[in-house]
PDB file of N, CA and C in Angstrom:
ATOM      1  N   MET A   1     -17.147  66.436 -50.808  1.00  0.00           N
ATOM      2  CA  MET A   1     -15.894  65.775 -51.092  1.00  0.00           C
ATOM      3  C   MET A   1     -15.402  66.230 -52.459  1.00  0.00           C
ATOM      4  N   THR A   2     -14.154  66.590 -52.545  1.00  0.00           N
ATOM      5  CA  THR A   2     -13.553  67.025 -53.790  1.00  0.00           C
ATOM      6  C   THR A   2     -12.964  65.823 -54.504  1.00  0.00           C
ATOM      7  N   LYS A   3     -13.305  65.663 -55.765  1.00  0.00           N
ATOM      8  CA  LYS A   3     -12.777  64.547 -56.534  1.00  0.00           C
ATOM      9  C   LYS A   3     -11.464  64.930 -57.181  1.00  0.00           C
ATOM     10  N   CYS A   4     -10.567  63.965 -57.250  1.00  0.00           N
ATOM     11  CA  CYS A   4      -9.267  64.176 -57.871  1.00  0.00           C
ATOM     12  C   CYS A   4      -9.426  64.027 -59.379  1.00  0.00           C
ATOM     13  N   PRO A   5      -9.051  65.024 -60.150  1.00  0.00           N
ATOM     14  CA  PRO A   5      -9.194  64.895 -61.601  1.00  0.00           C
ATOM     15  C   PRO A   5      -8.203  63.887 -62.161  1.00  0.00           C
ATOM     16  N   VAL A   6      -8.654  63.121 -63.126  1.00  0.00           N
ATOM     17  CA  VAL A   6      -7.783  62.160 -63.806  1.00  0.00           C
ATOM     18  C   VAL A   6      -7.366  62.812 -65.120  1.00  0.00           C
ATOM     19  N   LEU A   7      -6.139  63.273 -65.146  1.00  0.00           N
ATOM     20  CA  LEU A   7      -5.640  63.978 -66.324  1.00  0.00           C
ATOM     21  C   LEU A   7      -4.902  63.001 -67.237  1.00  0.00           C
ATOM     22  N   PRO A   8      -5.185  63.022 -68.521  1.00  0.00           N
ATOM     23  CA  PRO A   8      -4.490  62.113 -69.424  1.00  0.00           C
ATOM     24  C   PRO A   8      -3.045  62.535 -69.636  1.00  0.00           C
ATOM     25  N   ASN A   9      -2.176  61.561 -69.808  1.00  0.00           N
ATOM     26  CA  ASN A   9      -0.797  61.877 -70.146  1.00  0.00           C
ATOM     27  C   ASN A   9      -0.674  61.851 -71.669  1.00  0.00           C
ATOM     28  N   PRO A  10       0.480  62.127 -72.252  1.00  0.00           N
ATOM     29  CA  PRO A  10       0.610  62.213 -73.709  1.00  0.00           C
ATOM     30  C   PRO A  10       0.202  60.935 -74.465  1.00  0.00           C
ATOM     31  N   THR A  11       0.193  59.788 -73.778  1.00  0.00           N
ATOM     32  CA  THR A  11      -0.197  58.542 -74.454  1.00  0.00           C
ATOM     33  C   THR A  11      -1.707  58.420 -74.588  1.00  0.00           C
ATOM     34  N   GLY A  12      -2.439  59.277 -73.882  1.00  0.00           N
ATOM     35  CA  GLY A  12      -3.895  59.217 -73.936  1.00  0.00           C
ATOM     36  C   GLY A  12      -4.497  58.420 -72.793  1.00  0.00           C
ATOM     37  N   PHE A  13      -3.642  57.765 -71.995  1.00  0.00           N
ATOM     38  CA  PHE A  13      -4.125  56.995 -70.857  1.00  0.00           C
ATOM     39  C   PHE A  13      -3.982  57.828 -69.591  1.00  0.00           C
ATOM     40  N   PRO A  14      -4.841  57.589 -68.591  1.00  0.00           N
ATOM     41  CA  PRO A  14      -4.705  58.344 -67.338  1.00  0.00           C
ATOM     42  C   PRO A  14      -3.347  58.089 -66.690  1.00  0.00           C
ATOM     43  N   SER A  15      -2.829  59.093 -66.031  1.00  0.00           N
ATOM     44  CA  SER A  15      -1.538  59.003 -65.358  1.00  0.00           C
ATOM     45  C   SER A  15      -1.622  58.046 -64.174  1.00  0.00           C
ATOM     46  N   PRO A  16      -0.593  57.232 -63.937  1.00  0.00           N
ATOM     47  CA  PRO A  16      -0.584  56.348 -62.760  1.00  0.00           C
ATOM     48  C   PRO A  16      -0.663  57.144 -61.459  1.00  0.00           C
ATOM     49  N   HIS A  17      -0.153  58.373 -61.472  1.00  0.00           N
ATOM     50  CA  HIS A  17      -0.200  59.204 -60.273  1.00  0.00           C
ATOM     51  C   HIS A  17      -1.633  59.594 -59.922  1.00  0.00           C
ATOM     52  N   ALA A  18      -2.486  59.723 -60.919  1.00  0.00           N
ATOM     53  CA  ALA A  18      -3.889  60.048 -60.665  1.00  0.00           C
ATOM     54  C   ALA A  18      -4.560  58.902 -59.921  1.00  0.00           C
ATOM     55  N   TYR A  19      -4.240  57.667 -60.300  1.00  0.00           N
ATOM     56  CA  TYR A  19      -4.813  56.508 -59.607  1.00  0.00           C
ATOM     57  C   TYR A  19      -4.305  56.446 -58.173  1.00  0.00           C
ATOM     58  N   GLN A  20      -3.018  56.725 -57.980  1.00  0.00           N
ATOM     59  CA  GLN A  20      -2.441  56.692 -56.641  1.00  0.00           C
ATOM     60  C   GLN A  20      -3.107  57.743 -55.754  1.00  0.00           C
ATOM     61  N   ALA A  21      -3.307  58.943 -56.262  1.00  0.00           N
ATOM     62  CA  ALA A  21      -3.955  59.999 -55.487  1.00  0.00           C
ATOM     63  C   ALA A  21      -5.380  59.595 -55.132  1.00  0.00           C
ATOM     64  N   LYS A  22      -6.077  58.972 -56.058  1.00  0.00           N
ATOM     65  CA  LYS A  22      -7.451  58.533 -55.800  1.00  0.00           C
ATOM     66  C   LYS A  22      -7.466  57.468 -54.713  1.00  0.00           C
ATOM     67  N   ASN A  23      -6.520  56.517 -54.767  1.00  0.00           N
ATOM     68  CA  ASN A  23      -6.460  55.469 -53.752  1.00  0.00           C
ATOM     69  C   ASN A  23      -6.159  56.037 -52.373  1.00  0.00           C
ATOM     70  N   ILE A  24      -5.282  57.040 -52.312  1.00  0.00           N
ATOM     71  CA  ILE A  24      -4.975  57.667 -51.030  1.00  0.00           C
ATOM     72  C   ILE A  24      -6.224  58.346 -50.479  1.00  0.00           C
ATOM     73  N   MET A  25      -6.955  59.035 -51.341  1.00  0.00           N
ATOM     74  CA  MET A  25      -8.174  59.706 -50.897  1.00  0.00           C
ATOM     75  C   MET A  25      -9.197  58.686 -50.417  1.00  0.00           C
ATOM     76  N   GLU A  26      -9.316  57.553 -51.110  1.00  0.00           N
ATOM     77  CA  GLU A  26     -10.255  56.516 -50.691  1.00  0.00           C
ATOM     78  C   GLU A  26      -9.850  55.945 -49.346  1.00  0.00           C
ATOM     79  N   ALA A  27      -8.551  55.724 -49.131  1.00  0.00           N
ATOM     80  CA  ALA A  27      -8.072  55.197 -47.852  1.00  0.00           C
ATOM     81  C   ALA A  27      -8.377  56.183 -46.725  1.00  0.00           C
ATOM     82  N   GLU A  28      -8.179  57.471 -46.973  1.00  0.00           N
ATOM     83  CA  GLU A  28      -8.484  58.477 -45.960  1.00  0.00           C
ATOM     84  C   GLU A  28      -9.973  58.477 -45.643  1.00  0.00           C
ATOM     85  N   ARG A  29     -10.785  58.346 -46.662  1.00  0.00           N
ATOM     86  CA  ARG A  29     -12.243  58.327 -46.459  1.00  0.00           C
ATOM     87  C   ARG A  29     -12.672  57.100 -45.663  1.00  0.00           C
ATOM     88  N   ILE A  30     -12.081  55.944 -45.977  1.00  0.00           N
ATOM     89  CA  ILE A  30     -12.391  54.717 -45.240  1.00  0.00           C
ATOM     90  C   ILE A  30     -11.991  54.878 -43.775  1.00  0.00           C
ATOM     91  N   ASN A  31     -10.821  55.470 -43.527  1.00  0.00           N
ATOM     92  CA  ASN A  31     -10.396  55.698 -42.143  1.00  0.00           C
ATOM     93  C   ASN A  31     -11.349  56.635 -41.420  1.00  0.00           C
ATOM     94  N   LEU A  32     -11.814  57.674 -42.101  1.00  0.00           N
ATOM     95  CA  LEU A  32     -12.758  58.607 -41.498  1.00  0.00           C
ATOM     96  C   LEU A  32     -14.071  57.902 -41.151  1.00  0.00           C
ATOM     97  N   ILE A  33     -14.560  57.067 -42.038  1.00  0.00           N
ATOM     98  CA  ILE A  33     -15.797  56.322 -41.781  1.00  0.00           C
ATOM     99  C   ILE A  33     -15.612  55.402 -40.580  1.00  0.00           C
ATOM    100  N   GLY A  34     -14.477  54.695 -40.518  1.00  0.00           N
ATOM    101  CA  GLY A  34     -14.205  53.804 -39.393  1.00  0.00           C
ATOM    102  C   GLY A  34     -14.146  54.550 -38.072  1.00  0.00           C
ATOM    103  N   THR A  35     -13.502  55.709 -38.078  1.00  0.00           N
ATOM    104  CA  THR A  35     -13.406  56.515 -36.865  1.00  0.00           C
ATOM    105  C   THR A  35     -14.781  57.001 -36.431  1.00  0.00           C
ATOM    106  N   THR A  36     -15.589  57.413 -37.399  1.00  0.00           N
ATOM    107  CA  THR A  36     -16.940  57.878 -37.089  1.00  0.00           C
ATOM    108  C   THR A  36     -17.786  56.756 -36.508  1.00  0.00           C
ATOM    109  N   LEU A  37     -17.691  55.562 -37.084  1.00  0.00           N
ATOM    110  CA  LEU A  37     -18.446  54.426 -36.565  1.00  0.00           C
ATOM    111  C   LEU A  37     -18.017  54.086 -35.140  1.00  0.00           C
ATOM    112  N   HIS A  38     -16.721  54.123 -34.896  1.00  0.00           N
ATOM    113  CA  HIS A  38     -16.213  53.844 -33.550  1.00  0.00           C
ATOM    114  C   HIS A  38     -16.768  54.858 -32.555  1.00  0.00           C
ATOM    115  N   ASP A  39     -16.760  56.130 -32.938  1.00  0.00           N
ATOM    116  CA  ASP A  39     -17.279  57.191 -32.071  1.00  0.00           C
ATOM    117  C   ASP A  39     -18.770  56.994 -31.809  1.00  0.00           C
ATOM    118  N   LEU A  40     -19.512  56.632 -32.844  1.00  0.00           N
ATOM    119  CA  LEU A  40     -20.954  56.417 -32.670  1.00  0.00           C
ATOM    120  C   LEU A  40     -21.228  55.227 -31.749  1.00  0.00           C
ATOM    121  N   ARG A  41     -20.410  54.171 -31.858  1.00  0.00           N
ATOM    122  CA  ARG A  41     -20.569  53.019 -30.954  1.00  0.00           C
ATOM    123  C   ARG A  41     -20.366  53.445 -29.504  1.00  0.00           C
ATOM    124  N   GLU A  42     -19.319  54.232 -29.264  1.00  0.00           N
ATOM    125  CA  GLU A  42     -19.055  54.693 -27.900  1.00  0.00           C
ATOM    126  C   GLU A  42     -20.186  55.566 -27.376  1.00  0.00           C
ATOM    127  N   ARG A  43     -20.699  56.433 -28.203  1.00  0.00           N
ATOM    128  CA  ARG A  43     -21.815  57.294 -27.786  1.00  0.00           C
ATOM    129  C   ARG A  43     -23.061  56.471 -27.487  1.00  0.00           C
ATOM    130  N   THR A  44     -23.307  55.443 -28.293  1.00  0.00           N
ATOM    131  CA  THR A  44     -24.468  54.579 -28.077  1.00  0.00           C
ATOM    132  C   THR A  44     -24.359  53.879 -26.721  1.00  0.00           C
ATOM    133  N   VAL A  45     -23.177  53.364 -26.423  1.00  0.00           N
ATOM    134  CA  VAL A  45     -22.964  52.699 -25.135  1.00  0.00           C
ATOM    135  C   VAL A  45     -23.187  53.688 -23.991  1.00  0.00           C
ATOM    136  N   ASP A  46     -22.662  54.892 -24.113  1.00  0.00           N
ATOM    137  CA  ASP A  46     -22.833  55.909 -23.081  1.00  0.00           C
ATOM    138  C   ASP A  46     -24.309  56.269 -22.906  1.00  0.00           C
ATOM    139  N   LEU A  47     -25.036  56.419 -23.991  1.00  0.00           N
ATOM    140  CA  LEU A  47     -26.455  56.755 -23.904  1.00  0.00           C
ATOM    141  C   LEU A  47     -27.253  55.623 -23.270  1.00  0.00           C
ATOM    142  N   ARG A  48     -26.924  54.395 -23.590  1.00  0.00           N
ATOM    143  CA  ARG A  48     -27.653  53.251 -22.988  1.00  0.00           C
ATOM    144  C   ARG A  48     -27.404  53.194 -21.488  1.00  0.00           C
ATOM    145  N   ARG A  49     -26.169  53.513 -21.071  1.00  0.00           N
ATOM    146  CA  ARG A  49     -25.874  53.551 -19.644  1.00  0.00           C
ATOM    147  C   ARG A  49     -26.666  54.668 -18.965  1.00  0.00           C
ATOM    148  N   TYR A  50     -26.763  55.788 -19.639  1.00  0.00           N
ATOM    149  CA  TYR A  50     -27.461  56.940 -19.076  1.00  0.00           C
ATOM    150  C   TYR A  50     -28.965  56.674 -18.936  1.00  0.00           C
ATOM    151  N   LEU A  51     -29.535  56.039 -19.962  1.00  0.00           N
ATOM    152  CA  LEU A  51     -30.979  55.782 -19.952  1.00  0.00           C
ATOM    153  C   LEU A  51     -31.250  54.554 -19.137  1.00  0.00           C
TER     154      LEU A  51
END
């Protein structure tokens, strides 16, 4: 996973856009984890039916 760099703005504080980009990346990661869990649940059900 590539981390989004937090670049300081002229005031010395991190840019608000850096936080927004990080939150978007976290949301995408959470969605990916949820999708993976859903897929694993379906596979588990299929395997139990098969066995």
